[in-house]
Amino acid sequence: MTIYVLAGDIGGTKTNLALYAVEESNQIALVREASFPSADYDGVEGVIRDFRQAGQEPIAAGAFGIAGPVLEGKVMVTNLTWKVEASNLSKILGGSPVRLMNDLEATAYGALFLADEEIYILNAGNPRSANCAVIAAGTGLGQAFLFWDGQRYIPTATEGGHVDFSPRDEKEVELLRFLKKRHKGRVSYERVLSGPGLVSIFQFLDQVLSRPTSAEIRARMQAEDPAAVIGEAGVSGTCGACTEAVDIFVSLYGAQASNLALTVMSVGGVYIGGGIVTKIMPKMTSGLFMDAFVDKGRFAQLLRDMRVSIILNPKAAQAGAAHAARELLG
């Protein structure tokens, strides 16, 4: 009899669910998957019920990556009113075991199972069997790491994206002042390293430093996703303010990635994820990111020796949840 596991990637905008068959080799094979607008549901339970209408396969285990801190098998989903509890999901699945994971925790685990073509190596380094770090800027800033216990990797969640933003030069000091006024006090790294953060950097350049921007770009930012417009114009070079904003963003990304790398001693490697990265690849590979990554004084060589990879597969979190569900089978 075929054994099935359910994997999910639950976010404020959409919820992705996927059914996998566990093969005799203990590998998994995708059976079917679907995406649902999260705002159309009162909770993930309804999403699971709708997904299962396409087939009534018995599900032996489930795991879900969720945008939010998971505490004692419960999580309030960031940017939603959903409260997800492992015990409730287990009941829906007929009593099968369920694991809830932070979305970056799931991404971190999924990174271990990606094919070579699903990863772009930014810095070859000298990877070891040791801890790995994972950082991803998207709607927010997620951070996690893979703890190496000597035999296997254990994905571990953090809320490191919310640590205090620390400027490195006078321009960034002015950026911090600008953001402190906007947010009435404390400024975290997520305020600069996210889609909204990229927009904030552009607005700082526009409003405080008076960088020129064409009327066309301003009109597009009103009609389209402003972060996407800034990223596109910044990469193409059609807008000087957008290019400067993306350059600052990429440099800050490298700096915070190395902060995380030093914190968890990730000599096993560093993975960079998030939907923004793949859209600004020319900037990510220009040297700006790695220059900031290794700019840590006496620890520069340690950081140069770390392999830095960009995750190209947007479903890494789903893959991580699927493998976590497989592990629940024992």
Protein backbone atom coordinates (compact mmCIF):
# COMPACT_ATOMS: atom_id res chain seq x y z
CA MET A 1 0.00 0.00 0.00
CA THR A 2 1.29 3.45 -0.92
CA ILE A 3 2.04 5.75 1.99
CA TYR A 4 1.20 9.42 1.56
CA VAL A 5 2.30 12.56 3.41
CA LEU A 6 0.90 16.08 3.21
CA ALA A 7 3.13 19.16 3.05
CA GLY A 8 2.14 22.80 3.26
CA ASP A 9 3.65 26.25 2.93
CA ILE A 10 1.30 28.66 4.70
CA GLY A 11 1.68 32.40 4.17
CA GLY A 12 -0.31 35.59 4.49
CA THR A 13 -0.98 35.76 0.75
CA LYS A 14 -1.31 32.14 -0.33
CA THR A 15 -1.25 28.62 1.06
CA ASN A 16 0.41 25.89 -0.99
CA LEU A 17 -0.42 22.26 -0.26
CA ALA A 18 1.14 19.18 -1.80
CA LEU A 19 0.61 15.44 -1.52
CA TYR A 20 3.66 13.18 -1.75
CA ALA A 21 4.02 9.42 -2.01
CA VAL A 22 6.77 7.84 0.09
CA GLU A 23 8.76 5.41 -2.03
CA GLU A 24 10.49 2.21 -0.92
CA SER A 25 13.83 4.02 -1.06
CA ASN A 26 12.43 6.42 1.56
CA GLN A 27 12.42 9.18 -1.06
CA ILE A 28 9.28 11.15 -1.83
CA ALA A 29 7.47 11.74 -5.13
CA LEU A 30 5.03 14.57 -5.77
CA VAL A 31 1.49 13.33 -6.46
CA ARG A 32 -0.37 16.63 -6.76
CA GLU A 33 -0.23 20.17 -5.48
CA ALA A 34 -2.41 23.28 -5.42
CA SER A 35 -2.30 26.90 -4.29
CA PHE A 36 -5.10 28.70 -2.44
CA PRO A 37 -5.61 32.41 -1.63
CA SER A 38 -5.26 32.52 2.16
CA ALA A 39 -7.65 35.47 2.50
CA ASP A 40 -10.51 33.33 1.13
CA TYR A 41 -10.43 31.09 4.22
CA ASP A 42 -10.97 31.41 7.96
CA GLY A 43 -8.22 28.91 8.69
CA VAL A 44 -5.95 26.31 7.16
CA GLU A 45 -8.42 23.56 8.06
CA GLY A 46 -10.74 24.72 5.27
CA VAL A 47 -7.84 24.78 2.80
CA ILE A 48 -6.92 21.20 3.66
CA ARG A 49 -10.52 20.04 3.24
CA ASP A 50 -10.76 21.65 -0.21
CA PHE A 51 -7.40 20.19 -1.24
CA ARG A 52 -8.44 16.69 -0.21
CA GLN A 53 -11.60 16.82 -2.29
CA ALA A 54 -9.42 16.04 -5.32
CA GLY A 55 -8.58 12.66 -3.81
CA GLN A 56 -9.16 10.68 -0.64
CA GLU A 57 -5.69 9.20 -0.20
CA PRO A 58 -4.99 8.19 3.42
CA ILE A 59 -2.42 10.62 4.81
CA ALA A 60 0.08 9.08 7.21
CA ALA A 61 1.72 12.34 8.36
CA GLY A 62 1.75 16.05 7.67
CA ALA A 63 4.11 18.97 8.11
CA PHE A 64 3.56 22.65 7.44
CA GLY A 65 5.89 25.62 7.10
CA ILE A 66 4.12 28.68 8.51
CA ALA A 67 4.98 32.39 8.51
CA GLY A 68 5.13 32.99 12.25
CA PRO A 69 6.77 31.77 15.47
CA VAL A 70 5.76 28.20 16.40
CA LEU A 71 5.38 27.64 20.14
CA GLU A 72 4.24 24.32 21.64
CA GLY A 73 2.63 23.18 18.40
CA LYS A 74 0.68 26.42 17.91
CA VAL A 75 1.23 29.52 15.78
CA MET A 76 -0.56 32.74 14.90
CA VAL A 77 0.06 33.25 11.18
CA THR A 78 1.78 36.56 10.41
CA ASN A 79 -0.49 38.90 8.39
CA LEU A 80 -3.53 36.64 8.97
CA THR A 81 -5.99 36.03 11.79
CA TRP A 82 -5.39 32.27 11.60
CA LYS A 83 -4.39 30.31 14.66
CA VAL A 84 -2.94 26.98 13.57
CA GLU A 85 -2.66 24.10 16.04
CA ALA A 86 -0.98 20.79 15.28
CA SER A 87 -3.56 18.88 17.33
CA ASN A 88 -6.44 20.23 15.22
CA LEU A 89 -4.72 19.37 11.96
CA SER A 90 -3.98 15.89 13.26
CA LYS A 91 -7.72 15.35 13.84
CA ILE A 92 -8.49 16.40 10.25
CA LEU A 93 -5.93 13.86 9.04
CA GLY A 94 -7.49 11.07 11.07
CA GLY A 95 -5.07 11.20 13.97
CA SER A 96 -1.87 11.16 11.90
CA PRO A 97 1.13 13.00 13.37
CA VAL A 98 1.58 16.64 12.36
CA ARG A 99 4.56 18.95 12.67
CA LEU A 100 4.36 22.74 12.49
CA MET A 101 7.50 24.57 11.38
CA ASN A 102 8.40 28.20 10.89
CA ASP A 103 8.45 28.89 7.14
CA LEU A 104 12.19 29.64 7.14
CA GLU A 105 12.82 26.52 9.20
CA ALA A 106 11.07 24.58 6.44
CA THR A 107 13.04 26.44 3.76
CA ALA A 108 16.28 25.63 5.56
CA TYR A 109 15.46 21.93 5.63
CA GLY A 110 14.30 21.99 2.03
CA ALA A 111 17.60 23.49 0.92
CA LEU A 112 19.29 20.20 1.82
CA PHE A 113 17.27 18.35 -0.82
CA LEU A 114 17.53 20.76 -3.75
CA ALA A 115 19.13 19.63 -7.01
CA ASP A 116 22.26 21.33 -8.30
CA GLU A 117 20.28 23.31 -10.88
CA GLU A 118 18.03 24.69 -8.12
CA ILE A 119 20.94 26.48 -6.45
CA TYR A 120 23.29 29.20 -7.70
CA ILE A 121 26.66 29.20 -5.95
CA LEU A 122 27.63 32.80 -5.25
CA ASN A 123 30.80 31.94 -3.34
CA ALA A 124 32.36 28.47 -3.55
CA GLY A 125 34.14 28.72 -0.21
CA ASN A 126 35.27 25.63 1.64
CA PRO A 127 32.09 23.99 3.01
CA ARG A 128 32.30 21.61 5.96
CA SER A 129 29.96 19.27 7.78
CA ALA A 130 28.80 21.98 10.15
CA ASN A 131 26.01 24.46 10.81
CA CYS A 132 24.36 26.25 7.87
CA ALA A 133 22.54 29.60 7.87
CA VAL A 134 19.45 30.54 5.85
CA ILE A 135 18.18 34.08 5.26
CA ALA A 136 15.35 35.16 2.97
CA ALA A 137 13.93 38.60 2.22
CA GLY A 138 10.43 38.71 0.81
CA THR A 139 7.29 40.16 2.34
CA GLY A 140 9.34 40.14 5.54
CA LEU A 141 12.82 38.98 6.56
CA GLY A 142 13.16 35.38 7.65
CA GLN A 143 16.18 33.72 9.22
CA ALA A 144 16.86 30.16 10.31
CA PHE A 145 19.73 27.71 10.53
CA LEU A 146 20.57 24.05 10.19
CA PHE A 147 22.25 22.69 13.32
CA TRP A 148 24.75 19.92 12.62
CA ASP A 149 24.70 17.40 15.51
CA GLY A 150 27.57 15.34 14.13
CA GLN A 151 25.38 12.98 12.11
CA ARG A 152 22.47 14.95 10.67
CA TYR A 153 21.07 18.44 10.17
CA ILE A 154 18.32 19.71 12.44
CA PRO A 155 16.39 22.75 11.12
CA THR A 156 16.01 25.47 13.73
CA ALA A 157 13.80 28.55 13.57
CA THR A 158 14.73 32.08 14.65
CA GLU A 159 13.12 35.52 14.61
CA GLY A 160 16.47 37.12 13.76
CA GLY A 161 14.92 39.25 11.03
CA HIS A 162 13.55 41.46 13.79
CA VAL A 163 16.88 42.34 15.42
CA ASP A 164 17.89 46.01 15.51
CA PHE A 165 19.03 47.56 12.24
CA SER A 166 22.65 48.69 12.59
CA PRO A 167 23.92 51.28 10.07
CA ARG A 168 27.49 51.01 8.79
CA ASP A 169 28.10 54.49 7.34
CA GLU A 170 26.72 58.02 7.44
CA LYS A 171 24.16 57.42 4.68
CA GLU A 172 22.75 54.45 6.56
CA VAL A 173 22.70 56.52 9.76
CA GLU A 174 20.48 59.01 7.92
CA LEU A 175 18.36 56.09 6.66
CA LEU A 176 17.95 54.91 10.26
CA ARG A 177 16.83 58.39 11.37
CA PHE A 178 14.33 58.49 8.50
CA LEU A 179 12.90 55.10 9.48
CA LYS A 180 12.81 55.89 13.21
CA LYS A 181 10.53 58.84 12.48
CA ARG A 182 8.34 56.71 10.24
CA HIS A 183 8.02 53.82 12.67
CA LYS A 184 8.03 55.96 15.82
CA GLY A 185 11.10 54.46 17.41
CA ARG A 186 12.70 51.06 16.94
CA VAL A 187 13.81 49.89 13.48
CA SER A 188 14.52 46.24 12.71
CA TYR A 189 16.42 44.77 9.78
CA GLU A 190 13.08 43.69 8.30
CA ARG A 191 12.30 47.40 7.80
CA VAL A 192 15.08 47.56 5.19
CA LEU A 193 15.41 43.95 4.02
CA SER A 194 12.00 43.10 2.57
CA GLY A 195 9.76 44.25 -0.26
CA PRO A 196 8.42 47.14 1.85
CA GLY A 197 12.00 47.76 3.01
CA LEU A 198 13.22 48.29 -0.55
CA VAL A 199 10.42 50.82 -1.05
CA SER A 200 11.44 52.59 2.17
CA ILE A 201 15.05 52.85 1.00
CA PHE A 202 13.85 54.39 -2.27
CA GLN A 203 11.63 56.85 -0.39
CA PHE A 204 14.57 57.86 1.79
CA LEU A 205 16.67 58.59 -1.30
CA ASP A 206 13.76 60.47 -2.86
CA GLN A 207 12.56 62.48 0.13
CA VAL A 208 15.74 63.05 2.15
CA LEU A 209 18.56 62.97 -0.41
CA SER A 210 16.43 64.33 -3.29
CA ARG A 211 17.59 61.76 -5.84
CA PRO A 212 15.88 62.44 -9.21
CA THR A 213 13.21 60.01 -10.44
CA SER A 214 11.34 60.15 -13.73
CA ALA A 215 7.60 60.76 -13.90
CA GLU A 216 7.23 57.41 -15.67
CA ILE A 217 8.75 55.50 -12.75
CA ARG A 218 6.59 57.40 -10.25
CA ALA A 219 3.46 56.60 -12.28
CA ARG A 220 4.37 52.91 -12.48
CA MET A 221 4.94 52.78 -8.72
CA GLN A 222 1.40 54.05 -8.22
CA ALA A 223 -0.13 51.51 -10.58
CA GLU A 224 2.06 48.44 -9.91
CA ASP A 225 3.89 46.76 -7.04
CA PRO A 226 6.38 49.52 -6.13
CA ALA A 227 9.05 47.11 -4.90
CA ALA A 228 8.92 45.21 -8.21
CA VAL A 229 9.18 48.46 -10.18
CA ILE A 230 12.17 49.63 -8.14
CA GLY A 231 13.87 46.27 -8.52
CA GLU A 232 13.34 46.12 -12.27
CA ALA A 233 14.42 49.72 -12.90
CA GLY A 234 17.34 49.33 -10.51
CA VAL A 235 18.67 46.29 -12.34
CA SER A 236 18.14 47.75 -15.83
CA GLY A 237 19.70 51.09 -14.85
CA THR A 238 16.77 53.12 -16.21
CA CYS A 239 16.34 54.98 -12.91
CA GLY A 240 19.31 56.25 -10.89
CA ALA A 241 17.39 56.42 -7.61
CA CYS A 242 16.12 52.86 -8.11
CA THR A 243 19.63 51.62 -8.89
CA GLU A 244 20.99 53.25 -5.74
CA ALA A 245 18.12 51.79 -3.69
CA VAL A 246 18.80 48.27 -4.98
CA ASP A 247 22.54 48.68 -4.38
CA ILE A 248 21.92 49.70 -0.76
CA PHE A 249 19.47 46.82 -0.34
CA VAL A 250 21.92 44.23 -1.69
CA SER A 251 24.77 45.56 0.44
CA LEU A 252 22.62 45.51 3.59
CA TYR A 253 21.53 41.98 2.66
CA GLY A 254 25.14 40.84 2.54
CA ALA A 255 25.93 42.53 5.85
CA GLN A 256 23.02 40.95 7.70
CA ALA A 257 23.64 37.55 6.11
CA SER A 258 27.17 37.59 7.55
CA ASN A 259 25.82 38.73 10.93
CA LEU A 260 23.70 35.58 10.95
CA ALA A 261 26.60 33.48 9.65
CA LEU A 262 28.83 34.59 12.49
CA THR A 263 26.07 34.13 15.06
CA VAL A 264 25.45 30.48 14.18
CA MET A 265 29.02 29.77 12.96
CA SER A 266 27.72 28.56 9.60
CA VAL A 267 30.93 27.17 8.16
CA GLY A 268 28.74 24.52 6.53
CA GLY A 269 27.32 27.15 4.20
CA VAL A 270 24.89 30.03 3.83
CA TYR A 271 21.69 29.87 1.79
CA ILE A 272 20.05 33.04 0.43
CA GLY A 273 16.35 32.81 -0.40
CA GLY A 274 13.28 34.95 -0.86
CA GLY A 275 11.33 36.07 -3.90
CA ILE A 276 13.24 39.33 -4.29
CA VAL A 277 16.66 37.76 -4.83
CA THR A 278 15.91 35.95 -8.07
CA LYS A 279 14.45 39.15 -9.55
CA ILE A 280 17.64 41.14 -8.91
CA MET A 281 20.19 38.42 -9.73
CA PRO A 282 22.47 40.73 -11.76
CA LYS A 283 22.90 42.88 -8.66
CA MET A 284 23.28 39.88 -6.34
CA THR A 285 26.09 38.52 -8.52
CA SER A 286 27.79 41.90 -9.11
CA GLY A 287 30.02 41.65 -6.04
CA LEU A 288 28.01 44.03 -3.85
CA PHE A 289 26.58 41.25 -1.72
CA MET A 290 29.84 39.39 -1.15
CA ASP A 291 31.80 42.60 -0.52
CA ALA A 292 29.44 43.40 2.35
CA PHE A 293 29.31 39.76 3.48
CA VAL A 294 33.06 39.50 4.09
CA ASP A 295 33.46 43.04 5.49
CA LYS A 296 33.82 41.88 9.07
CA GLY A 297 37.39 42.86 9.93
CA ARG A 298 39.34 40.05 11.54
CA PHE A 299 36.69 37.51 10.51
CA ALA A 300 36.82 38.30 6.80
CA GLN A 301 38.73 35.12 5.93
CA LEU A 302 36.37 32.94 7.94
CA LEU A 303 33.49 34.39 5.91
CA ARG A 304 35.34 34.00 2.59
CA ASP A 305 35.63 30.29 3.37
CA MET A 306 31.86 29.91 3.73
CA ARG A 307 29.96 28.65 0.71
CA VAL A 308 27.19 31.11 -0.16
CA SER A 309 24.34 29.81 -2.35
CA ILE A 310 21.19 31.40 -3.73
CA ILE A 311 18.05 29.24 -3.63
CA LEU A 312 16.42 29.32 -7.07
CA ASN A 313 13.51 26.98 -6.31
CA PRO A 314 10.58 29.01 -4.85
CA LYS A 315 9.12 25.81 -3.34
CA ALA A 316 12.01 25.02 -1.03
CA ALA A 317 9.78 25.44 2.05
CA GLN A 318 7.25 22.98 0.62
CA ALA A 319 10.03 20.48 -0.03
CA GLY A 320 11.34 20.92 3.50
CA ALA A 321 7.89 20.33 4.98
CA ALA A 322 7.46 17.22 2.85
CA HIS A 323 10.70 15.69 4.09
CA ALA A 324 9.83 16.65 7.68
CA ALA A 325 6.50 14.83 7.26
CA ARG A 326 8.31 11.76 5.91
CA GLU A 327 10.52 11.75 9.01
CA LEU A 328 7.45 11.58 11.25
CA LEU A 329 6.83 8.09 9.87
CA GLY A 330 9.91 6.81 11.72
